[in-house]
N, C-alpha and C. Protein backbone atom coordinates (compact mmCIF):
# COMPACT_ATOMS: atom_id res chain seq x y z
N MET A 1 -18.20 -9.41 7.43
CA MET A 1 -17.12 -10.19 7.96
C MET A 1 -16.60 -11.08 6.86
N ASN A 2 -15.30 -11.11 6.65
CA ASN A 2 -14.72 -12.08 5.72
C ASN A 2 -14.68 -13.48 6.31
N LEU A 3 -15.09 -14.34 5.47
CA LEU A 3 -15.22 -15.77 5.91
C LEU A 3 -13.80 -16.36 6.29
N ASN A 4 -12.78 -15.89 5.65
CA ASN A 4 -11.50 -16.51 6.03
C ASN A 4 -10.98 -15.95 7.40
N VAL A 5 -11.65 -14.93 7.87
CA VAL A 5 -11.44 -14.46 9.20
C VAL A 5 -11.65 -15.50 10.21
N VAL A 6 -12.63 -16.28 10.13
CA VAL A 6 -13.07 -17.31 10.97
C VAL A 6 -11.92 -18.36 11.18
N ARG A 7 -11.37 -18.73 9.99
CA ARG A 7 -10.32 -19.74 10.11
C ARG A 7 -9.20 -19.13 10.90
N LYS A 8 -8.88 -17.89 10.78
CA LYS A 8 -7.81 -17.17 11.44
C LYS A 8 -8.26 -17.11 13.00
N ILE A 9 -9.51 -16.95 13.26
CA ILE A 9 -9.97 -16.78 14.62
C ILE A 9 -9.66 -18.15 15.35
N ASP A 10 -9.91 -19.21 14.73
CA ASP A 10 -9.64 -20.57 15.36
C ASP A 10 -8.18 -20.67 15.57
N ASN A 11 -7.29 -20.17 14.72
CA ASN A 11 -5.90 -20.22 14.89
C ASN A 11 -5.52 -19.41 16.01
N LEU A 12 -6.13 -18.22 16.13
CA LEU A 12 -5.77 -17.22 17.27
C LEU A 12 -6.12 -17.93 18.61
N ILE A 13 -7.37 -18.56 18.55
CA ILE A 13 -7.73 -19.26 19.84
C ILE A 13 -6.73 -20.28 20.28
N ARG A 14 -6.22 -21.07 19.30
CA ARG A 14 -5.30 -22.07 19.61
C ARG A 14 -4.02 -21.52 20.10
N VAL A 15 -3.62 -20.33 19.50
CA VAL A 15 -2.32 -19.66 19.94
C VAL A 15 -2.55 -19.15 21.41
N LYS A 16 -3.75 -18.60 21.67
CA LYS A 16 -3.95 -18.02 23.02
C LYS A 16 -3.99 -19.10 24.07
N GLU A 17 -4.49 -20.27 23.73
CA GLU A 17 -4.48 -21.50 24.58
C GLU A 17 -3.12 -21.85 24.90
N LEU A 18 -2.27 -21.88 23.86
CA LEU A 18 -0.85 -22.32 24.07
C LEU A 18 -0.12 -21.23 24.82
N GLU A 19 -0.49 -19.95 24.70
CA GLU A 19 0.15 -18.96 25.52
C GLU A 19 -0.21 -19.15 26.98
N GLN A 20 -1.45 -19.69 27.31
CA GLN A 20 -1.68 -19.86 28.73
C GLN A 20 -0.88 -21.00 29.24
N VAL A 21 -0.74 -22.07 28.47
CA VAL A 21 0.02 -23.21 28.96
C VAL A 21 1.53 -22.83 29.04
N ASP A 22 2.08 -22.02 28.16
CA ASP A 22 3.42 -21.54 28.26
C ASP A 22 3.64 -20.62 29.51
N LEU A 23 2.67 -19.81 29.66
CA LEU A 23 2.69 -18.91 30.86
C LEU A 23 2.79 -19.69 32.11
N ILE A 24 1.97 -20.57 32.37
CA ILE A 24 1.92 -21.40 33.58
C ILE A 24 3.25 -22.19 33.67
N ASN A 25 3.77 -22.76 32.56
CA ASN A 25 4.95 -23.58 32.67
C ASN A 25 6.16 -22.68 32.97
N SER A 26 6.19 -21.49 32.35
CA SER A 26 7.38 -20.58 32.56
C SER A 26 7.41 -20.17 34.11
N PHE A 27 6.25 -19.90 34.67
CA PHE A 27 6.25 -19.61 36.13
C PHE A 27 6.57 -20.68 36.99
N LEU A 28 6.18 -21.92 36.51
CA LEU A 28 6.58 -23.09 37.38
C LEU A 28 7.98 -23.39 37.36
N ARG A 29 8.64 -23.05 36.23
CA ARG A 29 10.16 -23.46 36.02
C ARG A 29 11.00 -22.26 36.58
N SER A 30 10.45 -21.08 36.68
CA SER A 30 11.40 -19.92 37.05
C SER A 30 11.87 -19.97 38.50
N PRO A 31 12.99 -19.53 38.72
CA PRO A 31 13.53 -19.56 40.13
C PRO A 31 12.70 -18.49 41.00
N VAL A 32 12.57 -18.74 42.22
CA VAL A 32 11.89 -17.91 43.13
C VAL A 32 12.88 -16.87 43.82
N THR A 33 13.05 -15.76 43.11
CA THR A 33 13.93 -14.72 43.76
C THR A 33 13.25 -13.38 43.68
N SER A 34 13.68 -12.48 44.54
CA SER A 34 13.24 -11.17 44.53
C SER A 34 14.19 -10.31 43.46
N PRO A 35 13.74 -9.15 43.07
CA PRO A 35 14.56 -8.25 42.20
C PRO A 35 16.01 -8.07 42.77
N ASP A 36 16.19 -7.92 44.08
CA ASP A 36 17.45 -7.75 44.74
C ASP A 36 18.28 -9.02 44.74
N LYS A 37 17.78 -10.10 44.28
CA LYS A 37 18.47 -11.41 44.33
C LYS A 37 18.57 -11.95 45.74
N ILE A 38 17.72 -11.39 46.62
CA ILE A 38 17.70 -11.90 48.00
C ILE A 38 16.33 -12.48 48.16
N GLN A 39 16.23 -13.68 48.51
CA GLN A 39 14.94 -14.37 48.68
C GLN A 39 14.36 -13.85 49.94
N THR A 40 13.30 -13.11 49.81
CA THR A 40 12.63 -12.59 50.98
C THR A 40 11.53 -13.59 51.57
N SER A 41 10.78 -14.17 50.73
CA SER A 41 9.77 -15.13 51.13
C SER A 41 9.31 -15.92 49.95
N ILE A 42 9.40 -17.24 50.09
CA ILE A 42 8.98 -18.06 49.00
C ILE A 42 7.40 -17.84 48.81
N THR A 43 6.67 -17.70 49.94
CA THR A 43 5.20 -17.50 49.85
C THR A 43 4.89 -16.24 49.11
N ASN A 44 5.51 -15.12 49.30
CA ASN A 44 5.30 -13.89 48.72
C ASN A 44 5.52 -13.99 47.20
N THR A 45 6.64 -14.52 46.81
CA THR A 45 6.94 -14.64 45.35
C THR A 45 6.01 -15.55 44.59
N THR A 46 5.68 -16.67 45.35
CA THR A 46 4.76 -17.59 44.79
C THR A 46 3.33 -17.03 44.61
N GLU A 47 2.95 -16.19 45.60
CA GLU A 47 1.66 -15.57 45.52
C GLU A 47 1.64 -14.54 44.31
N GLU A 48 2.73 -13.88 44.25
CA GLU A 48 2.96 -12.86 43.12
C GLU A 48 2.91 -13.59 41.73
N LYS A 49 3.45 -14.72 41.63
CA LYS A 49 3.45 -15.46 40.35
C LYS A 49 2.03 -15.95 40.10
N ASN A 50 1.33 -16.43 41.20
CA ASN A 50 0.03 -16.91 40.99
C ASN A 50 -0.92 -15.82 40.52
N ILE A 51 -0.71 -14.60 41.17
CA ILE A 51 -1.57 -13.46 40.78
C ILE A 51 -1.27 -13.03 39.30
N LYS A 52 -0.12 -13.05 38.95
CA LYS A 52 0.41 -12.70 37.57
C LYS A 52 -0.19 -13.78 36.58
N ILE A 53 -0.12 -15.12 36.91
CA ILE A 53 -0.78 -16.11 36.05
C ILE A 53 -2.25 -15.88 36.01
N ALA A 54 -2.98 -15.63 37.02
CA ALA A 54 -4.32 -15.39 37.13
C ALA A 54 -4.77 -14.20 36.18
N GLU A 55 -4.01 -13.08 36.34
CA GLU A 55 -4.25 -11.93 35.62
C GLU A 55 -4.07 -12.09 34.02
N LEU A 56 -2.95 -12.67 33.69
CA LEU A 56 -2.73 -12.97 32.28
C LEU A 56 -3.73 -13.92 31.72
N GLY A 57 -3.95 -15.00 32.56
CA GLY A 57 -5.01 -16.00 32.21
C GLY A 57 -6.32 -15.41 31.91
N ALA A 58 -6.75 -14.45 32.80
CA ALA A 58 -8.03 -13.82 32.60
C ALA A 58 -7.98 -12.99 31.24
N GLU A 59 -6.84 -12.38 31.03
CA GLU A 59 -6.81 -11.47 29.79
C GLU A 59 -6.91 -12.40 28.56
N ILE A 60 -6.17 -13.51 28.61
CA ILE A 60 -6.18 -14.45 27.45
C ILE A 60 -7.64 -15.01 27.30
N ASN A 61 -8.23 -15.33 28.47
CA ASN A 61 -9.64 -15.84 28.40
C ASN A 61 -10.60 -14.92 27.73
N GLU A 62 -10.43 -13.61 28.02
CA GLU A 62 -11.29 -12.54 27.47
C GLU A 62 -11.07 -12.36 25.99
N GLN A 63 -9.76 -12.54 25.54
CA GLN A 63 -9.52 -12.50 24.10
C GLN A 63 -10.14 -13.64 23.43
N ILE A 64 -9.98 -14.91 24.04
CA ILE A 64 -10.67 -16.08 23.45
C ILE A 64 -12.22 -15.91 23.37
N LYS A 65 -12.76 -15.35 24.39
CA LYS A 65 -14.12 -15.13 24.45
C LYS A 65 -14.65 -14.12 23.31
N GLN A 66 -13.89 -13.14 22.99
CA GLN A 66 -14.12 -12.23 21.99
C GLN A 66 -14.17 -12.88 20.62
N LEU A 67 -12.99 -13.75 20.42
CA LEU A 67 -12.83 -14.42 19.17
C LEU A 67 -14.03 -15.45 19.03
N ILE A 68 -14.45 -16.05 20.03
CA ILE A 68 -15.61 -17.03 19.85
C ILE A 68 -16.81 -16.20 19.46
N GLU A 69 -17.13 -15.09 20.10
CA GLU A 69 -18.20 -14.21 19.77
C GLU A 69 -18.25 -13.87 18.24
N GLU A 70 -17.09 -13.54 17.76
CA GLU A 70 -17.05 -13.18 16.30
C GLU A 70 -17.37 -14.47 15.41
N LYS A 71 -16.92 -15.54 15.91
CA LYS A 71 -17.26 -16.86 15.22
C LYS A 71 -18.80 -17.14 15.20
N LYS A 72 -19.39 -16.90 16.42
CA LYS A 72 -20.85 -17.04 16.55
C LYS A 72 -21.68 -16.04 15.65
N LYS A 73 -21.10 -14.82 15.55
CA LYS A 73 -21.76 -13.78 14.58
C LYS A 73 -21.78 -14.38 13.17
N LEU A 74 -20.63 -14.90 12.81
CA LEU A 74 -20.59 -15.47 11.39
C LEU A 74 -21.53 -16.55 11.26
N SER A 75 -21.60 -17.49 12.22
CA SER A 75 -22.44 -18.62 12.12
C SER A 75 -23.88 -18.24 12.07
N LYS A 76 -24.34 -17.20 12.81
CA LYS A 76 -25.65 -16.67 12.70
C LYS A 76 -26.01 -16.08 11.32
N LEU A 77 -24.95 -15.43 10.72
CA LEU A 77 -25.13 -14.87 9.37
C LEU A 77 -25.34 -15.98 8.38
N ILE A 78 -24.48 -16.99 8.46
CA ILE A 78 -24.52 -18.18 7.59
C ILE A 78 -25.92 -18.74 7.74
N ASP A 79 -26.46 -18.96 8.88
CA ASP A 79 -27.78 -19.57 9.09
C ASP A 79 -28.89 -18.77 8.48
N GLN A 80 -28.76 -17.62 8.02
CA GLN A 80 -29.70 -16.77 7.40
C GLN A 80 -29.93 -17.24 5.93
N LEU A 81 -28.96 -17.96 5.42
CA LEU A 81 -29.15 -18.42 3.99
C LEU A 81 -30.27 -19.35 3.86
N GLU A 82 -30.85 -19.33 2.69
CA GLU A 82 -32.07 -20.04 2.53
C GLU A 82 -31.83 -21.52 2.02
N ASN A 83 -30.76 -21.74 1.32
CA ASN A 83 -30.35 -23.03 0.77
C ASN A 83 -29.57 -23.83 1.76
N PRO A 84 -30.13 -25.04 2.14
CA PRO A 84 -29.51 -25.85 3.18
C PRO A 84 -28.09 -26.39 2.69
N ASP A 85 -27.83 -26.57 1.52
CA ASP A 85 -26.52 -26.94 0.96
C ASP A 85 -25.51 -25.78 1.19
N GLU A 86 -25.93 -24.56 0.91
CA GLU A 86 -25.05 -23.41 1.09
C GLU A 86 -24.73 -23.20 2.63
N ILE A 87 -25.68 -23.51 3.46
CA ILE A 87 -25.46 -23.25 4.87
C ILE A 87 -24.52 -24.46 5.25
N THR A 88 -24.69 -25.59 4.81
CA THR A 88 -23.88 -26.78 5.23
C THR A 88 -22.39 -26.58 4.78
N VAL A 89 -22.22 -26.15 3.54
CA VAL A 89 -20.88 -25.97 2.98
C VAL A 89 -20.21 -24.79 3.74
N LEU A 90 -20.78 -23.71 4.00
CA LEU A 90 -20.16 -22.55 4.56
C LEU A 90 -19.82 -22.93 6.07
N ASN A 91 -20.73 -23.62 6.79
CA ASN A 91 -20.42 -24.00 8.17
C ASN A 91 -19.37 -24.95 8.14
N LEU A 92 -19.38 -26.00 7.35
CA LEU A 92 -18.30 -26.97 7.34
C LEU A 92 -16.92 -26.33 7.09
N ARG A 93 -16.95 -25.41 6.11
CA ARG A 93 -15.67 -24.77 5.65
C ARG A 93 -15.20 -23.80 6.62
N TYR A 94 -15.94 -22.88 7.00
CA TYR A 94 -15.54 -21.75 7.75
C TYR A 94 -15.77 -21.77 9.24
N VAL A 95 -16.63 -22.57 9.75
CA VAL A 95 -16.96 -22.72 11.21
C VAL A 95 -16.26 -23.89 11.74
N GLN A 96 -16.36 -25.07 11.00
CA GLN A 96 -15.86 -26.30 11.47
C GLN A 96 -14.42 -26.56 10.80
N LEU A 97 -14.04 -25.69 9.91
CA LEU A 97 -12.71 -25.72 9.33
C LEU A 97 -12.38 -26.95 8.59
N LYS A 98 -13.40 -27.56 7.89
CA LYS A 98 -13.14 -28.85 7.07
C LYS A 98 -12.58 -28.39 5.66
N SER A 99 -11.85 -29.39 5.11
CA SER A 99 -11.36 -29.14 3.79
C SER A 99 -12.39 -29.48 2.82
N TYR A 100 -12.20 -28.94 1.58
CA TYR A 100 -13.12 -29.20 0.57
C TYR A 100 -13.43 -30.62 0.35
N GLU A 101 -12.31 -31.46 0.41
CA GLU A 101 -12.61 -32.82 0.25
C GLU A 101 -13.50 -33.47 1.31
N GLU A 102 -13.26 -33.02 2.58
CA GLU A 102 -14.09 -33.51 3.61
C GLU A 102 -15.56 -33.08 3.47
N ILE A 103 -15.76 -31.97 2.96
CA ILE A 103 -17.09 -31.44 2.72
C ILE A 103 -17.76 -32.28 1.65
N ALA A 104 -17.05 -32.59 0.57
CA ALA A 104 -17.53 -33.39 -0.58
C ALA A 104 -17.99 -34.76 -0.10
N GLU A 105 -17.23 -35.34 0.83
CA GLU A 105 -17.55 -36.69 1.41
C GLU A 105 -18.78 -36.58 2.29
N PHE A 106 -18.82 -35.47 3.05
CA PHE A 106 -19.94 -35.33 4.00
C PHE A 106 -21.29 -35.09 3.35
N ILE A 107 -21.36 -34.37 2.29
CA ILE A 107 -22.57 -33.92 1.61
C ILE A 107 -23.32 -35.15 1.08
N PRO A 108 -22.98 -36.06 0.22
CA PRO A 108 -21.87 -36.33 -0.50
C PRO A 108 -22.16 -35.68 -1.97
N CYS A 109 -21.09 -35.13 -2.52
CA CYS A 109 -21.12 -34.64 -3.88
C CYS A 109 -19.70 -34.46 -4.41
N SER A 110 -19.63 -34.10 -5.62
CA SER A 110 -18.20 -33.94 -6.16
C SER A 110 -17.49 -32.66 -5.63
N LEU A 111 -16.24 -32.63 -5.71
CA LEU A 111 -15.48 -31.52 -5.25
C LEU A 111 -15.87 -30.21 -6.12
N GLN A 112 -16.05 -30.43 -7.29
CA GLN A 112 -16.47 -29.27 -8.16
C GLN A 112 -17.81 -28.71 -7.73
N ASN A 113 -18.75 -29.58 -7.32
CA ASN A 113 -20.03 -29.09 -6.82
C ASN A 113 -19.87 -28.35 -5.49
N VAL A 114 -18.96 -28.82 -4.71
CA VAL A 114 -18.77 -28.04 -3.44
C VAL A 114 -18.25 -26.68 -3.76
N TYR A 115 -17.35 -26.45 -4.67
CA TYR A 115 -16.78 -25.19 -5.01
C TYR A 115 -17.95 -24.31 -5.61
N ARG A 116 -18.86 -24.91 -6.34
CA ARG A 116 -19.91 -24.16 -7.02
C ARG A 116 -20.88 -23.65 -5.91
N ILE A 117 -21.25 -24.63 -4.94
CA ILE A 117 -22.17 -24.28 -3.83
C ILE A 117 -21.57 -23.06 -2.97
N ARG A 118 -20.27 -23.22 -2.65
CA ARG A 118 -19.57 -22.27 -1.92
C ARG A 118 -19.62 -20.85 -2.55
N LYS A 119 -19.37 -20.85 -3.88
CA LYS A 119 -19.36 -19.53 -4.58
C LYS A 119 -20.67 -18.95 -4.62
N LYS A 120 -21.74 -19.74 -4.83
CA LYS A 120 -23.13 -19.32 -4.76
C LYS A 120 -23.51 -18.84 -3.37
N ALA A 121 -23.03 -19.57 -2.39
CA ALA A 121 -23.37 -19.19 -0.98
C ALA A 121 -22.76 -17.85 -0.59
N ILE A 122 -21.56 -17.60 -0.98
CA ILE A 122 -20.88 -16.37 -0.68
C ILE A 122 -21.65 -15.20 -1.37
N LYS A 123 -22.11 -15.43 -2.61
CA LYS A 123 -22.93 -14.32 -3.20
C LYS A 123 -24.22 -14.09 -2.52
N SER A 124 -24.84 -15.15 -2.01
CA SER A 124 -26.02 -15.06 -1.23
C SER A 124 -25.78 -14.44 0.07
N LEU A 125 -24.64 -14.64 0.74
CA LEU A 125 -24.26 -14.07 2.00
C LEU A 125 -23.97 -12.54 1.84
N LYS A 126 -23.38 -12.16 0.71
CA LYS A 126 -23.06 -10.76 0.51
C LYS A 126 -24.42 -10.07 0.30
N LYS A 127 -25.33 -10.65 -0.36
CA LYS A 127 -26.65 -10.03 -0.55
C LYS A 127 -27.37 -9.82 0.89
N ILE A 128 -27.31 -10.79 1.67
CA ILE A 128 -27.91 -10.71 3.03
C ILE A 128 -27.20 -9.56 3.80
N LYS A 129 -25.90 -9.54 3.75
CA LYS A 129 -25.14 -8.40 4.39
C LYS A 129 -25.52 -7.06 3.93
N ASN A 130 -25.66 -6.93 2.64
CA ASN A 130 -26.12 -5.65 2.07
C ASN A 130 -27.50 -5.26 2.43
N GLU A 131 -28.44 -6.25 2.66
CA GLU A 131 -29.83 -5.91 3.04
C GLU A 131 -29.80 -5.45 4.42
N VAL A 132 -28.94 -5.95 5.25
CA VAL A 132 -28.81 -5.61 6.65
C VAL A 132 -28.32 -4.21 6.84
N LYS A 133 -27.47 -3.80 5.99
CA LYS A 133 -26.87 -2.48 6.09
C LYS A 133 -27.92 -1.39 5.76
């Protein structure tokens, strides 16, 4: 798994959460009418909207769940590294989505050292992935 995929996974999770909010808001704002433009029953159309919201919400929740599972897989892979600094840098960068500057402050070390640790960690991670195959 490409480490940058995890950053994209978090973005997708945020997008899916926004989709849920937009979905609910759009149904709450939309007029209650039937396809024939004759209002048959407010209860029926409200129920239909609620069912649609629930179905789409469940679909979005399943997508979020899958994205979170991918992130967990990466985290487990990172935890297999032997060097604690490498684990810390990769977790902070790709799981917690911290900037290089924030990582340098957290460790604490120079920005250049963070880049060096990250590069070495990625090499170590590739080695682990190749051993697993």
